[in-house]
């Protein structure tokens, strides 16, 4: 039950970011996104991956890894479209 709940929670919280990625891809607009927030969240996800690996929690490591990919895309687009200036 524990791992099943982890996979469901991880899938839902990861899927939650997909509409933002799609919107960025379609509009090429990242002006309303904070680069600092994106970077902090990505670092947090890296820590979740580490935690998931250390604690042998595959759902945590898996979905945090997927979320890192989504956030790296958003960071890349933010820097490419708006410059690399932090607010």
N, C-alpha and C. Protein backbone atom coordinates (compact mmCIF):
# COMPACT_ATOMS: atom_id res chain seq x y z
N UNK A 1 0.83 -1.20 0.00
CA UNK A 1 0.00 0.00 0.00
C UNK A 1 0.87 1.26 0.00
N UNK A 2 1.96 1.25 0.78
CA UNK A 2 2.82 2.43 0.89
C UNK A 2 3.41 2.85 -0.44
N UNK A 3 4.00 1.90 -1.17
CA UNK A 3 4.58 2.24 -2.47
C UNK A 3 3.51 2.65 -3.47
N UNK A 4 2.35 2.00 -3.42
CA UNK A 4 1.26 2.37 -4.34
C UNK A 4 0.84 3.81 -4.09
N UNK A 5 0.70 4.17 -2.85
CA UNK A 5 0.33 5.55 -2.50
C UNK A 5 1.42 6.51 -2.96
N UNK A 6 2.67 6.12 -2.81
CA UNK A 6 3.78 6.95 -3.25
C UNK A 6 3.79 7.15 -4.76
N UNK A 7 3.50 6.09 -5.50
CA UNK A 7 3.45 6.21 -6.97
C UNK A 7 2.29 7.12 -7.41
N UNK A 8 1.16 6.98 -6.77
CA UNK A 8 0.00 7.83 -7.12
C UNK A 8 0.30 9.28 -6.79
N UNK A 9 0.80 9.54 -5.58
CA UNK A 9 1.12 10.92 -5.18
C UNK A 9 2.19 11.51 -6.08
N UNK A 10 3.22 10.73 -6.36
CA UNK A 10 4.30 11.22 -7.22
C UNK A 10 3.82 11.52 -8.62
N UNK A 11 2.98 10.65 -9.16
CA UNK A 11 2.44 10.88 -10.50
C UNK A 11 1.61 12.15 -10.55
N UNK A 12 0.74 12.33 -9.57
CA UNK A 12 -0.13 13.51 -9.56
C UNK A 12 0.67 14.80 -9.41
N UNK A 13 1.62 14.82 -8.50
CA UNK A 13 2.38 16.06 -8.30
C UNK A 13 3.31 16.35 -9.48
N UNK A 14 3.77 15.33 -10.17
CA UNK A 14 4.59 15.53 -11.36
C UNK A 14 3.73 15.99 -12.53
N UNK A 15 2.60 15.36 -12.72
CA UNK A 15 1.68 15.73 -13.80
C UNK A 15 1.22 17.17 -13.65
N UNK A 16 1.16 17.66 -12.43
CA UNK A 16 0.70 19.03 -12.18
C UNK A 16 1.56 20.07 -12.90
N UNK A 17 2.81 19.75 -13.19
CA UNK A 17 3.70 20.71 -13.85
C UNK A 17 3.62 20.65 -15.38
N UNK A 18 3.03 19.62 -15.91
CA UNK A 18 2.98 19.45 -17.36
C UNK A 18 2.21 20.57 -18.07
N UNK A 19 1.06 21.04 -17.55
CA UNK A 19 0.39 22.15 -18.22
C UNK A 19 1.26 23.40 -18.34
N UNK A 20 2.08 23.68 -17.32
CA UNK A 20 2.97 24.84 -17.39
C UNK A 20 4.02 24.66 -18.48
N UNK A 21 4.57 23.47 -18.58
CA UNK A 21 5.56 23.18 -19.61
C UNK A 21 4.93 23.32 -21.00
N UNK A 22 3.73 22.80 -21.16
CA UNK A 22 3.03 22.90 -22.44
C UNK A 22 2.77 24.36 -22.79
N UNK A 23 2.34 25.14 -21.81
CA UNK A 23 2.06 26.56 -22.04
C UNK A 23 3.34 27.29 -22.46
N UNK A 24 4.43 27.01 -21.79
CA UNK A 24 5.71 27.64 -22.16
C UNK A 24 6.10 27.25 -23.58
N UNK A 25 5.93 25.99 -23.90
CA UNK A 25 6.30 25.52 -25.24
C UNK A 25 5.45 26.18 -26.33
N UNK A 26 4.15 26.33 -26.06
CA UNK A 26 3.24 26.92 -27.06
C UNK A 26 3.43 28.43 -27.19
N UNK A 27 3.61 29.13 -26.07
CA UNK A 27 3.61 30.59 -26.10
C UNK A 27 4.99 31.22 -26.10
N UNK A 28 6.01 30.44 -25.73
CA UNK A 28 7.35 31.00 -25.55
C UNK A 28 7.33 32.20 -24.60
N UNK A 29 6.50 32.12 -23.58
CA UNK A 29 6.37 33.20 -22.60
C UNK A 29 6.72 32.67 -21.21
N UNK A 30 7.77 33.22 -20.64
CA UNK A 30 8.18 32.84 -19.28
C UNK A 30 8.31 34.05 -18.37
N UNK A 31 7.81 35.19 -18.82
CA UNK A 31 7.98 36.43 -18.06
C UNK A 31 7.42 36.36 -16.64
N UNK A 32 6.35 35.63 -16.46
CA UNK A 32 5.71 35.55 -15.14
C UNK A 32 6.36 34.52 -14.22
N UNK A 33 7.34 33.79 -14.72
CA UNK A 33 8.01 32.78 -13.89
C UNK A 33 9.24 33.39 -13.24
N UNK A 34 9.48 33.02 -12.00
CA UNK A 34 10.64 33.48 -11.27
C UNK A 34 11.78 32.48 -11.45
N UNK A 35 12.90 32.93 -11.99
CA UNK A 35 14.05 32.05 -12.18
C UNK A 35 14.54 31.52 -10.84
N UNK A 36 14.53 32.39 -9.83
CA UNK A 36 14.98 31.96 -8.51
C UNK A 36 14.13 30.81 -7.99
N UNK A 37 12.83 30.92 -8.14
CA UNK A 37 11.92 29.87 -7.67
C UNK A 37 12.16 28.58 -8.42
N UNK A 38 12.32 28.67 -9.72
CA UNK A 38 12.57 27.48 -10.53
C UNK A 38 13.85 26.78 -10.08
N UNK A 39 14.89 27.55 -9.84
CA UNK A 39 16.18 26.97 -9.42
C UNK A 39 16.07 26.35 -8.03
N UNK A 40 15.45 27.05 -7.10
CA UNK A 40 15.30 26.53 -5.73
C UNK A 40 14.49 25.23 -5.76
N UNK A 41 13.41 25.22 -6.52
CA UNK A 41 12.58 24.02 -6.59
C UNK A 41 13.37 22.86 -7.20
N UNK A 42 14.15 23.14 -8.23
CA UNK A 42 14.94 22.10 -8.88
C UNK A 42 15.97 21.52 -7.91
N UNK A 43 16.63 22.37 -7.14
CA UNK A 43 17.58 21.89 -6.13
C UNK A 43 16.86 21.03 -5.10
N UNK A 44 15.67 21.45 -4.70
CA UNK A 44 14.88 20.65 -3.77
C UNK A 44 14.55 19.29 -4.34
N UNK A 45 14.23 19.23 -5.61
CA UNK A 45 13.92 17.96 -6.26
C UNK A 45 15.16 17.06 -6.31
N UNK A 46 16.33 17.66 -6.54
CA UNK A 46 17.56 16.88 -6.51
C UNK A 46 17.74 16.24 -5.13
N UNK A 47 17.42 17.01 -4.10
CA UNK A 47 17.51 16.47 -2.75
C UNK A 47 16.49 15.34 -2.52
N UNK A 48 15.28 15.47 -3.12
CA UNK A 48 14.28 14.39 -3.01
C UNK A 48 14.77 13.13 -3.71
N UNK A 49 15.42 13.28 -4.86
CA UNK A 49 15.98 12.11 -5.54
C UNK A 49 16.99 11.43 -4.64
N UNK A 50 17.88 12.22 -4.06
CA UNK A 50 18.89 11.67 -3.16
C UNK A 50 18.23 10.95 -1.99
N UNK A 51 17.24 11.58 -1.38
CA UNK A 51 16.51 10.97 -0.28
C UNK A 51 15.87 9.65 -0.71
N UNK A 52 15.23 9.66 -1.87
CA UNK A 52 14.57 8.45 -2.36
C UNK A 52 15.55 7.31 -2.59
N UNK A 53 16.73 7.63 -3.08
CA UNK A 53 17.74 6.60 -3.31
C UNK A 53 18.28 6.08 -1.97
N UNK A 54 18.63 7.01 -1.09
CA UNK A 54 19.19 6.61 0.21
C UNK A 54 18.20 5.78 1.02
N UNK A 55 16.94 6.20 1.01
CA UNK A 55 15.91 5.51 1.80
C UNK A 55 15.26 4.35 1.05
N UNK A 56 15.76 4.09 -0.16
CA UNK A 56 15.21 3.02 -1.00
C UNK A 56 13.70 3.19 -1.20
N UNK A 57 13.35 4.39 -1.63
CA UNK A 57 11.97 4.75 -1.93
C UNK A 57 11.85 5.06 -3.43
N UNK A 58 11.65 4.03 -4.26
CA UNK A 58 11.62 4.24 -5.71
C UNK A 58 10.62 5.30 -6.17
N UNK A 59 9.40 5.38 -5.60
CA UNK A 59 8.48 6.41 -6.11
C UNK A 59 9.02 7.82 -5.93
N UNK A 60 9.66 8.08 -4.80
CA UNK A 60 10.21 9.41 -4.54
C UNK A 60 11.31 9.72 -5.54
N UNK A 61 12.24 8.81 -5.72
CA UNK A 61 13.35 9.03 -6.64
C UNK A 61 12.86 9.16 -8.08
N UNK A 62 11.95 8.31 -8.49
CA UNK A 62 11.45 8.33 -9.87
C UNK A 62 10.76 9.63 -10.22
N UNK A 63 9.77 10.01 -9.43
CA UNK A 63 8.99 11.19 -9.80
C UNK A 63 9.74 12.49 -9.57
N UNK A 64 10.63 12.52 -8.59
CA UNK A 64 11.46 13.70 -8.43
C UNK A 64 12.39 13.85 -9.63
N UNK A 65 12.88 12.74 -10.15
CA UNK A 65 13.75 12.78 -11.35
C UNK A 65 12.99 13.33 -12.55
N UNK A 66 11.76 12.88 -12.74
CA UNK A 66 10.95 13.38 -13.85
C UNK A 66 10.68 14.87 -13.68
N UNK A 67 10.38 15.28 -12.46
CA UNK A 67 10.11 16.69 -12.19
C UNK A 67 11.35 17.54 -12.46
N UNK A 68 12.52 17.02 -12.16
CA UNK A 68 13.77 17.75 -12.46
C UNK A 68 13.87 18.02 -13.96
N UNK A 69 13.54 17.05 -14.76
CA UNK A 69 13.58 17.22 -16.22
C UNK A 69 12.63 18.34 -16.64
N UNK A 70 11.42 18.33 -16.10
CA UNK A 70 10.44 19.37 -16.43
C UNK A 70 10.95 20.75 -16.00
N UNK A 71 11.51 20.82 -14.81
CA UNK A 71 12.01 22.11 -14.31
C UNK A 71 13.26 22.56 -15.05
N UNK A 72 14.11 21.64 -15.45
CA UNK A 72 15.28 22.04 -16.25
C UNK A 72 14.84 22.64 -17.58
N UNK A 73 13.78 22.09 -18.17
CA UNK A 73 13.25 22.66 -19.39
C UNK A 73 12.75 24.09 -19.14
N UNK A 74 12.02 24.28 -18.04
CA UNK A 74 11.49 25.62 -17.74
C UNK A 74 12.63 26.60 -17.46
N UNK A 75 13.66 26.16 -16.75
CA UNK A 75 14.81 27.02 -16.48
C UNK A 75 15.51 27.38 -17.78
N UNK A 76 15.72 26.40 -18.64
CA UNK A 76 16.35 26.64 -19.94
C UNK A 76 15.56 27.69 -20.73
N UNK A 77 14.25 27.50 -20.82
CA UNK A 77 13.41 28.44 -21.59
C UNK A 77 13.41 29.82 -20.94
N UNK A 78 13.37 29.88 -19.62
CA UNK A 78 13.39 31.17 -18.92
C UNK A 78 14.67 31.93 -19.25
N UNK A 79 15.80 31.25 -19.18
CA UNK A 79 17.07 31.90 -19.48
C UNK A 79 17.16 32.28 -20.96
N UNK A 80 16.74 31.39 -21.83
CA UNK A 80 16.80 31.65 -23.27
C UNK A 80 15.90 32.81 -23.68
N UNK A 81 14.70 32.86 -23.12
CA UNK A 81 13.73 33.87 -23.55
C UNK A 81 13.88 35.21 -22.81
N UNK A 82 14.24 35.16 -21.53
CA UNK A 82 14.25 36.38 -20.72
C UNK A 82 15.63 36.79 -20.26
N UNK A 83 16.64 36.06 -20.63
CA UNK A 83 18.00 36.35 -20.17
C UNK A 83 18.28 35.61 -18.87
N UNK A 84 19.52 35.67 -18.46
CA UNK A 84 19.93 34.91 -17.28
C UNK A 84 19.94 35.75 -16.01
N UNK A 85 19.23 36.88 -16.02
CA UNK A 85 19.22 37.76 -14.85
C UNK A 85 18.30 37.21 -13.78
N UNK A 86 18.81 37.18 -12.57
CA UNK A 86 17.95 36.84 -11.43
C UNK A 86 17.21 38.11 -11.02
N UNK A 87 15.99 37.94 -10.57
CA UNK A 87 15.18 39.12 -10.19
C UNK A 87 15.72 39.80 -8.97
